PDB file of N, CA and C in Angstrom:
ATOM      1  N   MET A   1      -4.875  22.301 -22.702  1.00  0.00           N
ATOM      2  CA  MET A   1      -3.951  24.032 -23.066  1.00  0.00           C
ATOM      3  C   MET A   1      -4.669  24.830 -24.265  1.00  0.00           C
ATOM      4  N   LEU A   2      -5.713  23.926 -25.133  1.00  0.00           N
ATOM      5  CA  LEU A   2      -6.386  25.060 -26.365  1.00  0.00           C
ATOM      6  C   LEU A   2      -7.207  25.820 -25.612  1.00  0.00           C
ATOM      7  N   TYR A   3      -8.075  25.307 -24.839  1.00  0.00           N
ATOM      8  CA  TYR A   3      -8.965  25.788 -23.948  1.00  0.00           C
ATOM      9  C   TYR A   3      -8.591  27.177 -23.240  1.00  0.00           C
ATOM     10  N   GLY A   4      -7.628  26.522 -22.331  1.00  0.00           N
ATOM     11  CA  GLY A   4      -6.860  27.708 -21.486  1.00  0.00           C
ATOM     12  C   GLY A   4      -6.320  28.535 -22.390  1.00  0.00           C
ATOM     13  N   GLY A   5      -5.986  28.671 -23.644  1.00  0.00           N
ATOM     14  CA  GLY A   5      -5.588  29.508 -24.638  1.00  0.00           C
ATOM     15  C   GLY A   5      -6.778  30.625 -25.089  1.00  0.00           C
ATOM     16  N   HIS A   6      -7.532  30.107 -25.203  1.00  0.00           N
ATOM     17  CA  HIS A   6      -8.976  30.290 -25.528  1.00  0.00           C
ATOM     18  C   HIS A   6      -9.175  31.446 -24.203  1.00  0.00           C
ATOM     19  N   LEU A   7      -9.439  30.898 -23.280  1.00  0.00           N
ATOM     20  CA  LEU A   7      -9.693  31.699 -21.765  1.00  0.00           C
ATOM     21  C   LEU A   7      -8.986  32.890 -21.710  1.00  0.00           C
ATOM     22  N   VAL A   8      -7.816  32.362 -21.743  1.00  0.00           N
ATOM     23  CA  VAL A   8      -6.539  33.630 -21.586  1.00  0.00           C
ATOM     24  C   VAL A   8      -7.012  35.135 -22.942  1.00  0.00           C
ATOM     25  N   ASP A   9      -7.186  34.498 -23.754  1.00  0.00           N
ATOM     26  CA  ASP A   9      -7.586  35.301 -24.906  1.00  0.00           C
ATOM     27  C   ASP A   9      -8.629  35.935 -24.956  1.00  0.00           C
ATOM     28  N   VAL A  10      -9.728  35.562 -24.410  1.00  0.00           N
ATOM     29  CA  VAL A  10     -11.217  36.217 -23.753  1.00  0.00           C
ATOM     30  C   VAL A  10     -10.725  37.274 -22.355  1.00  0.00           C
ATOM     31  N   GLY A  11      -9.951  37.088 -22.089  1.00  0.00           N
ATOM     32  CA  GLY A  11      -9.959  37.704 -20.435  1.00  0.00           C
ATOM     33  C   GLY A  11     -10.165  36.967 -19.510  1.00  0.00           C
ATOM     34  N   GLN A  12     -10.608  35.765 -19.348  1.00  0.00           N
ATOM     35  CA  GLN A  12     -11.403  34.860 -18.146  1.00  0.00           C
ATOM     36  C   GLN A  12     -10.165  34.529 -17.220  1.00  0.00           C
ATOM     37  N   ILE A  13      -8.865  34.419 -17.720  1.00  0.00           N
ATOM     38  CA  ILE A  13      -8.128  33.829 -16.685  1.00  0.00           C
ATOM     39  C   ILE A  13      -6.672  34.455 -17.283  1.00  0.00           C
ATOM     40  N   SER A  14      -5.645  34.563 -16.140  1.00  0.00           N
ATOM     41  CA  SER A  14      -4.210  34.445 -16.715  1.00  0.00           C
ATOM     42  C   SER A  14      -3.386  33.918 -17.131  1.00  0.00           C
ATOM     43  N   TYR A  15      -2.833  33.607 -17.687  1.00  0.00           N
ATOM     44  CA  TYR A  15      -1.680  33.037 -18.809  1.00  0.00           C
ATOM     45  C   TYR A  15      -1.150  32.165 -17.430  1.00  0.00           C
ATOM     46  N   GLU A  16      -0.576  32.579 -15.972  1.00  0.00           N
ATOM     47  CA  GLU A  16       0.175  31.895 -15.227  1.00  0.00           C
ATOM     48  C   GLU A  16      -0.603  30.806 -14.654  1.00  0.00           C
ATOM     49  N   ASP A  17      -2.305  31.068 -14.498  1.00  0.00           N
ATOM     50  CA  ASP A  17      -3.159  30.226 -14.041  1.00  0.00           C
ATOM     51  C   ASP A  17      -3.058  28.953 -15.221  1.00  0.00           C
ATOM     52  N   VAL A  18      -3.165  29.295 -16.395  1.00  0.00           N
ATOM     53  CA  VAL A  18      -3.603  28.229 -17.289  1.00  0.00           C
ATOM     54  C   VAL A  18      -2.285  27.416 -16.700  1.00  0.00           C
ATOM     55  N   PHE A  19      -0.599  27.719 -16.996  1.00  0.00           N
ATOM     56  CA  PHE A  19       0.154  26.940 -16.428  1.00  0.00           C
ATOM     57  C   PHE A  19      -0.122  25.860 -14.991  1.00  0.00           C
ATOM     58  N   LYS A  20      -0.257  26.647 -13.935  1.00  0.00           N
ATOM     59  CA  LYS A  20      -0.944  26.174 -12.690  1.00  0.00           C
ATOM     60  C   LYS A  20      -1.313  25.093 -12.718  1.00  0.00           C
ATOM     61  N   VAL A  21      -2.452  25.025 -13.399  1.00  0.00           N
ATOM     62  CA  VAL A  21      -3.413  23.976 -13.457  1.00  0.00           C
ATOM     63  C   VAL A  21      -3.259  23.145 -14.869  1.00  0.00           C
ATOM     64  N   ALA A  22      -2.490  23.332 -15.892  1.00  0.00           N
ATOM     65  CA  ALA A  22      -1.873  22.433 -16.780  1.00  0.00           C
ATOM     66  C   ALA A  22      -0.990  21.697 -16.002  1.00  0.00           C
ATOM     67  N   GLU A  23      -0.066  22.081 -14.779  1.00  0.00           N
ATOM     68  CA  GLU A  23       1.118  21.469 -14.382  1.00  0.00           C
ATOM     69  C   GLU A  23       0.766  20.750 -13.015  1.00  0.00           C
ATOM     70  N   ALA A  24      -0.439  21.247 -12.571  1.00  0.00           N
ATOM     71  CA  ALA A  24      -1.149  20.391 -11.444  1.00  0.00           C
ATOM     72  C   ALA A  24      -1.701  18.763 -12.129  1.00  0.00           C
ATOM     73  N   LEU A  25      -2.224  19.282 -13.078  1.00  0.00           N
ATOM     74  CA  LEU A  25      -3.101  17.981 -13.835  1.00  0.00           C
ATOM     75  C   LEU A  25      -2.099  17.085 -14.420  1.00  0.00           C
ATOM     76  N   ILE A  26      -0.929  17.295 -14.939  1.00  0.00           N
ATOM     77  CA  ILE A  26       0.394  16.462 -15.264  1.00  0.00           C
ATOM     78  C   ILE A  26       0.629  16.345 -13.975  1.00  0.00           C
ATOM     79  N   LEU A  27       1.140  16.574 -12.776  1.00  0.00           N
ATOM     80  CA  LEU A  27       1.746  15.683 -11.894  1.00  0.00           C
ATOM     81  C   LEU A  27       0.807  15.017 -11.105  1.00  0.00           C
ATOM     82  N   GLY A  28      -0.365  15.488 -10.910  1.00  0.00           N
ATOM     83  CA  GLY A  28      -1.509  14.578 -10.632  1.00  0.00           C
ATOM     84  C   GLY A  28      -1.662  13.322 -11.135  1.00  0.00           C
ATOM     85  N   THR A  29      -1.707  13.318 -12.251  1.00  0.00           N
ATOM     86  CA  THR A  29      -1.452  11.630 -13.214  1.00  0.00           C
ATOM     87  C   THR A  29      -0.727  11.034 -12.924  1.00  0.00           C
ATOM     88  N   MET A  30       0.306  11.487 -12.771  1.00  0.00           N
ATOM     89  CA  MET A  30       1.749  11.106 -12.318  1.00  0.00           C
ATOM     90  C   MET A  30       1.685  10.368 -11.315  1.00  0.00           C
ATOM     91  N   MET A  31       1.528  11.362 -10.267  1.00  0.00           N
ATOM     92  CA  MET A  31       0.890  10.570  -8.789  1.00  0.00           C
ATOM     93  C   MET A  31       0.117   9.358  -8.576  1.00  0.00           C
ATOM     94  N   VAL A  32      -1.038   9.703  -9.345  1.00  0.00           N
ATOM     95  CA  VAL A  32      -2.301   8.381  -9.444  1.00  0.00           C
ATOM     96  C   VAL A  32      -1.920   6.891  -9.963  1.00  0.00           C
ATOM     97  N   GLY A  33      -1.132   7.345 -11.246  1.00  0.00           N
ATOM     98  CA  GLY A  33      -0.032   6.076 -12.087  1.00  0.00           C
ATOM     99  C   GLY A  33       0.901   5.514 -11.169  1.00  0.00           C
ATOM    100  N   GLN A  34       1.480   6.073 -10.234  1.00  0.00           N
ATOM    101  CA  GLN A  34       2.678   5.470  -9.618  1.00  0.00           C
ATOM    102  C   GLN A  34       1.805   4.880  -8.003  1.00  0.00           C
ATOM    103  N   ALA A  35       1.141   5.442  -8.062  1.00  0.00           N
ATOM    104  CA  ALA A  35       0.132   4.891  -6.663  1.00  0.00           C
ATOM    105  C   ALA A  35      -0.681   3.555  -7.506  1.00  0.00           C
ATOM    106  N   VAL A  36      -1.752   3.697  -8.459  1.00  0.00           N
ATOM    107  CA  VAL A  36      -1.533   2.721  -9.066  1.00  0.00           C
ATOM    108  C   VAL A  36      -1.039   1.129  -9.265  1.00  0.00           C
ATOM    109  N   ALA A  37       0.762   1.370  -9.654  1.00  0.00           N
ATOM    110  CA  ALA A  37       1.779   0.730  -9.865  1.00  0.00           C
ATOM    111  C   ALA A  37       2.048  -0.134  -8.511  1.00  0.00           C
ATOM    112  N   PHE A  38       1.380   0.487  -7.376  1.00  0.00           N
ATOM    113  CA  PHE A  38       1.767  -0.483  -6.027  1.00  0.00           C
ATOM    114  C   PHE A  38       0.517  -1.314  -6.160  1.00  0.00           C
ATOM    115  N   ALA A  39      -0.797  -1.212  -6.719  1.00  0.00           N
ATOM    116  CA  ALA A  39      -1.626  -1.956  -6.365  1.00  0.00           C
ATOM    117  C   ALA A  39      -1.564  -3.685  -6.199  1.00  0.00           C
ATOM    118  N   PRO A  40      -1.020  -4.044  -7.253  1.00  0.00           N
ATOM    119  CA  PRO A  40      -0.918  -5.568  -7.117  1.00  0.00           C
ATOM    120  C   PRO A  40       0.131  -5.901  -5.193  1.00  0.00           C
ATOM    121  N   ASN A  41       0.697  -5.062  -5.109  1.00  0.00           N
ATOM    122  CA  ASN A  41       1.741  -5.481  -3.775  1.00  0.00           C
ATOM    123  C   ASN A  41       0.619  -5.218  -2.378  1.00  0.00           C
ATOM    124  N   TYR A  42      -0.039  -4.114  -2.707  1.00  0.00           N
ATOM    125  CA  TYR A  42      -1.000  -3.972  -1.659  1.00  0.00           C
ATOM    126  C   TYR A  42      -1.933  -5.052  -1.453  1.00  0.00           C
ATOM    127  N   SER A  43      -2.530  -5.102  -2.296  1.00  0.00           N
ATOM    128  CA  SER A  43      -3.046  -6.851  -2.643  1.00  0.00           C
ATOM    129  C   SER A  43      -2.625  -8.116  -1.526  1.00  0.00           C
ATOM    130  N   LYS A  44      -1.403  -8.073  -2.207  1.00  0.00           N
ATOM    131  CA  LYS A  44      -0.299  -9.428  -1.879  1.00  0.00           C
ATOM    132  C   LYS A  44       0.106  -9.366   0.078  1.00  0.00           C
ATOM    133  N   ALA A  45       0.313  -8.277   0.218  1.00  0.00           N
ATOM    134  CA  ALA A  45       0.352  -7.684   1.604  1.00  0.00           C
ATOM    135  C   ALA A  45      -0.548  -7.758   2.626  1.00  0.00           C
ATOM    136  N   ARG A  46      -2.364  -7.299   1.866  1.00  0.00           N
ATOM    137  CA  ARG A  46      -2.934  -8.079   3.014  1.00  0.00           C
ATOM    138  C   ARG A  46      -3.392  -9.088   2.986  1.00  0.00           C
ATOM    139  N   VAL A  47      -3.183 -10.404   1.693  1.00  0.00           N
ATOM    140  CA  VAL A  47      -3.380 -11.451   1.994  1.00  0.00           C
ATOM    141  C   VAL A  47      -2.026 -11.980   3.127  1.00  0.00           C
ATOM    142  N   ALA A  48      -0.961 -11.462   2.808  1.00  0.00           N
ATOM    143  CA  ALA A  48       0.368 -11.982   3.710  1.00  0.00           C
ATOM    144  C   ALA A  48      -0.139 -11.349   5.156  1.00  0.00           C
ATOM    145  N   ALA A  49      -0.609 -10.633   5.353  1.00  0.00           N
ATOM    146  CA  ALA A  49      -0.643 -10.099   6.809  1.00  0.00           C
ATOM    147  C   ALA A  49      -1.975 -11.088   7.721  1.00  0.00           C
ATOM    148  N   SER A  50      -2.876 -11.456   6.767  1.00  0.00           N
ATOM    149  CA  SER A  50      -3.612 -12.098   7.000  1.00  0.00           C
ATOM    150  C   SER A  50      -3.373 -13.370   7.286  1.00  0.00           C
ATOM    151  N   GLN A  51      -2.887 -13.821   7.029  1.00  0.00           N
ATOM    152  CA  GLN A  51      -1.805 -15.236   6.868  1.00  0.00           C
ATOM    153  C   GLN A  51      -1.328 -15.279   8.240  1.00  0.00           C
ATOM    154  N   ILE A  52      -0.344 -13.940   8.910  1.00  0.00           N
ATOM    155  CA  ILE A  52       0.237 -14.270   9.493  1.00  0.00           C
ATOM    156  C   ILE A  52      -0.303 -14.139  10.835  1.00  0.00           C
ATOM    157  N   PHE A  53      -1.681 -13.209  10.602  1.00  0.00           N
ATOM    158  CA  PHE A  53      -2.911 -13.312  12.265  1.00  0.00           C
ATOM    159  C   PHE A  53      -3.070 -14.716  11.910  1.00  0.00           C
ATOM    160  N   HIS A  54      -3.689 -15.322  10.866  1.00  0.00           N
ATOM    161  CA  HIS A  54      -4.342 -16.396  11.163  1.00  0.00           C
ATOM    162  C   HIS A  54      -3.343 -17.646  11.959  1.00  0.00           C
ATOM    163  N   LEU A  55      -2.026 -17.390  11.479  1.00  0.00           N
ATOM    164  CA  LEU A  55      -1.112 -18.172  12.189  1.00  0.00           C
ATOM    165  C   LEU A  55      -1.181 -17.850  13.697  1.00  0.00           C
ATOM    166  N   LEU A  56      -0.520 -16.528  13.970  1.00  0.00           N
ATOM    167  CA  LEU A  56      -0.644 -15.951  15.209  1.00  0.00           C
ATOM    168  C   LEU A  56      -1.827 -16.258  16.104  1.00  0.00           C
ATOM    169  N   ASP A  57      -3.029 -16.466  15.616  1.00  0.00           N
ATOM    170  CA  ASP A  57      -4.367 -16.751  16.255  1.00  0.00           C
ATOM    171  C   ASP A  57      -4.711 -18.631  16.695  1.00  0.00           C
ATOM    172  N   ARG A  58      -3.880 -19.237  15.957  1.00  0.00           N
ATOM    173  CA  ARG A  58      -4.102 -20.793  15.939  1.00  0.00           C
ATOM    174  C   ARG A  58      -3.916 -20.749  17.714  1.00  0.00           C
ATOM    175  N   ASN A  59      -4.403 -22.238  18.007  1.00  0.00           N
ATOM    176  CA  ASN A  59      -4.043 -22.857  19.357  1.00  0.00           C
ATOM    177  C   ASN A  59      -3.234 -24.116  18.945  1.00  0.00           C
ATOM    178  N   PRO A  60      -1.859 -24.049  19.682  1.00  0.00           N
ATOM    179  CA  PRO A  60      -1.076 -25.274  19.243  1.00  0.00           C
ATOM    180  C   PRO A  60      -2.131 -26.773  20.058  1.00  0.00           C
ATOM    181  N   GLN A  61      -1.255 -27.938  19.056  1.00  0.00           N
ATOM    182  CA  GLN A  61      -1.945 -29.021  19.781  1.00  0.00           C
ATOM    183  C   GLN A  61      -1.503 -29.531  20.861  1.00  0.00           C
ATOM    184  N   ILE A  62       0.162 -28.797  21.036  1.00  0.00           N
ATOM    185  CA  ILE A  62       0.489 -29.692  22.035  1.00  0.00           C
ATOM    186  C   ILE A  62       0.751 -28.407  23.306  1.00  0.00           C
ATOM    187  N   ASP A  63       0.184 -28.771  24.864  1.00  0.00           N
ATOM    188  CA  ASP A  63       0.310 -27.810  25.597  1.00  0.00           C
ATOM    189  C   ASP A  63       1.625 -28.097  26.318  1.00  0.00           C
ATOM    190  N   SER A  64       2.788 -26.952  25.655  1.00  0.00           N
ATOM    191  CA  SER A  64       3.884 -26.924  26.279  1.00  0.00           C
ATOM    192  C   SER A  64       4.341 -27.096  28.180  1.00  0.00           C
ATOM    193  N   SER A  65       3.041 -26.120  28.438  1.00  0.00           N
ATOM    194  CA  SER A  65       3.385 -25.599  30.168  1.00  0.00           C
ATOM    195  C   SER A  65       2.318 -26.590  30.741  1.00  0.00           C
ATOM    196  N   ALA A  66       2.060 -27.605  30.319  1.00  0.00           N
ATOM    197  CA  ALA A  66       1.073 -28.514  31.005  1.00  0.00           C
ATOM    198  C   ALA A  66       2.382 -29.263  32.123  1.00  0.00           C
ATOM    199  N   GLY A  67       3.265 -30.086  31.760  1.00  0.00           N
ATOM    200  CA  GLY A  67       4.768 -30.770  32.715  1.00  0.00           C
ATOM    201  C   GLY A  67       4.329 -31.860  32.810  1.00  0.00           C
ATOM    202  N   ILE A  68       3.581 -32.515  31.517  1.00  0.00           N
ATOM    203  CA  ILE A  68       3.494 -34.223  31.630  1.00  0.00           C
ATOM    204  C   ILE A  68       4.096 -34.144  30.575  1.00  0.00           C
ATOM    205  N   GLY A  69       4.403 -35.643  30.185  1.00  0.00           N
ATOM    206  CA  GLY A  69       4.634 -36.482  29.409  1.00  0.00           C
ATOM    207  C   GLY A  69       6.041 -36.586  29.352  1.00  0.00           C
ATOM    208  N   LEU A  70       6.740 -37.019  28.585  1.00  0.00           N
ATOM    209  CA  LEU A  70       8.385 -37.681  28.516  1.00  0.00           C
ATOM    210  C   LEU A  70       9.636 -36.470  28.062  1.00  0.00           C
ATOM    211  N   ARG A  71      10.446 -36.668  29.180  1.00  0.00           N
ATOM    212  CA  ARG A  71      11.033 -35.932  29.428  1.00  0.00           C
ATOM    213  C   ARG A  71      12.710 -36.545  29.451  1.00  0.00           C
ATOM    214  N   LEU A  72      13.536 -36.187  28.367  1.00  0.00           N
ATOM    215  CA  LEU A  72      14.934 -36.097  28.134  1.00  0.00           C
ATOM    216  C   LEU A  72      15.907 -35.739  29.003  1.00  0.00           C
ATOM    217  N   VAL A  73      16.152 -36.745  29.823  1.00  0.00           N
ATOM    218  CA  VAL A  73      17.031 -35.968  31.249  1.00  0.00           C
ATOM    219  C   VAL A  73      18.688 -36.395  30.643  1.00  0.00           C
ATOM    220  N   SER A  74      18.878 -37.513  29.863  1.00  0.00           N
ATOM    221  CA  SER A  74      20.346 -37.808  29.500  1.00  0.00           C
ATOM    222  C   SER A  74      20.790 -37.216  28.289  1.00  0.00           C
ATOM    223  N   VAL A  75      20.392 -36.283  27.352  1.00  0.00           N
ATOM    224  CA  VAL A  75      20.657 -36.225  26.209  1.00  0.00           C
ATOM    225  C   VAL A  75      21.726 -35.589  26.170  1.00  0.00           C
ATOM    226  N   LYS A  76      22.851 -35.687  25.123  1.00  0.00           N
ATOM    227  CA  LYS A  76      23.891 -35.123  25.646  1.00  0.00           C
ATOM    228  C   LYS A  76      24.453 -34.734  23.496  1.00  0.00           C
ATOM    229  N   PHE A  77      25.103 -33.709  23.736  1.00  0.00           N
ATOM    230  CA  PHE A  77      25.423 -33.107  22.313  1.00  0.00           C
ATOM    231  C   PHE A  77      26.869 -33.463  22.007  1.00  0.00           C
TER     232      PHE A  77
END
């Protein structure tokens, strides 16, 4: 703001432009701060997604479509 006041004094920039720049810097800094606050959650989400894809890609040890093995026919609940 001090340098902006100097630029207004010497006529290189308008008063409104100084406040536009100051407001843009303040709001931009706030947005960056909010985005950085989610960085730990982002890394946890990447790890969780990797684990889910690893789980979905694995091959089961039991082949349920083979049709062989012990069948329980007289089970009652």
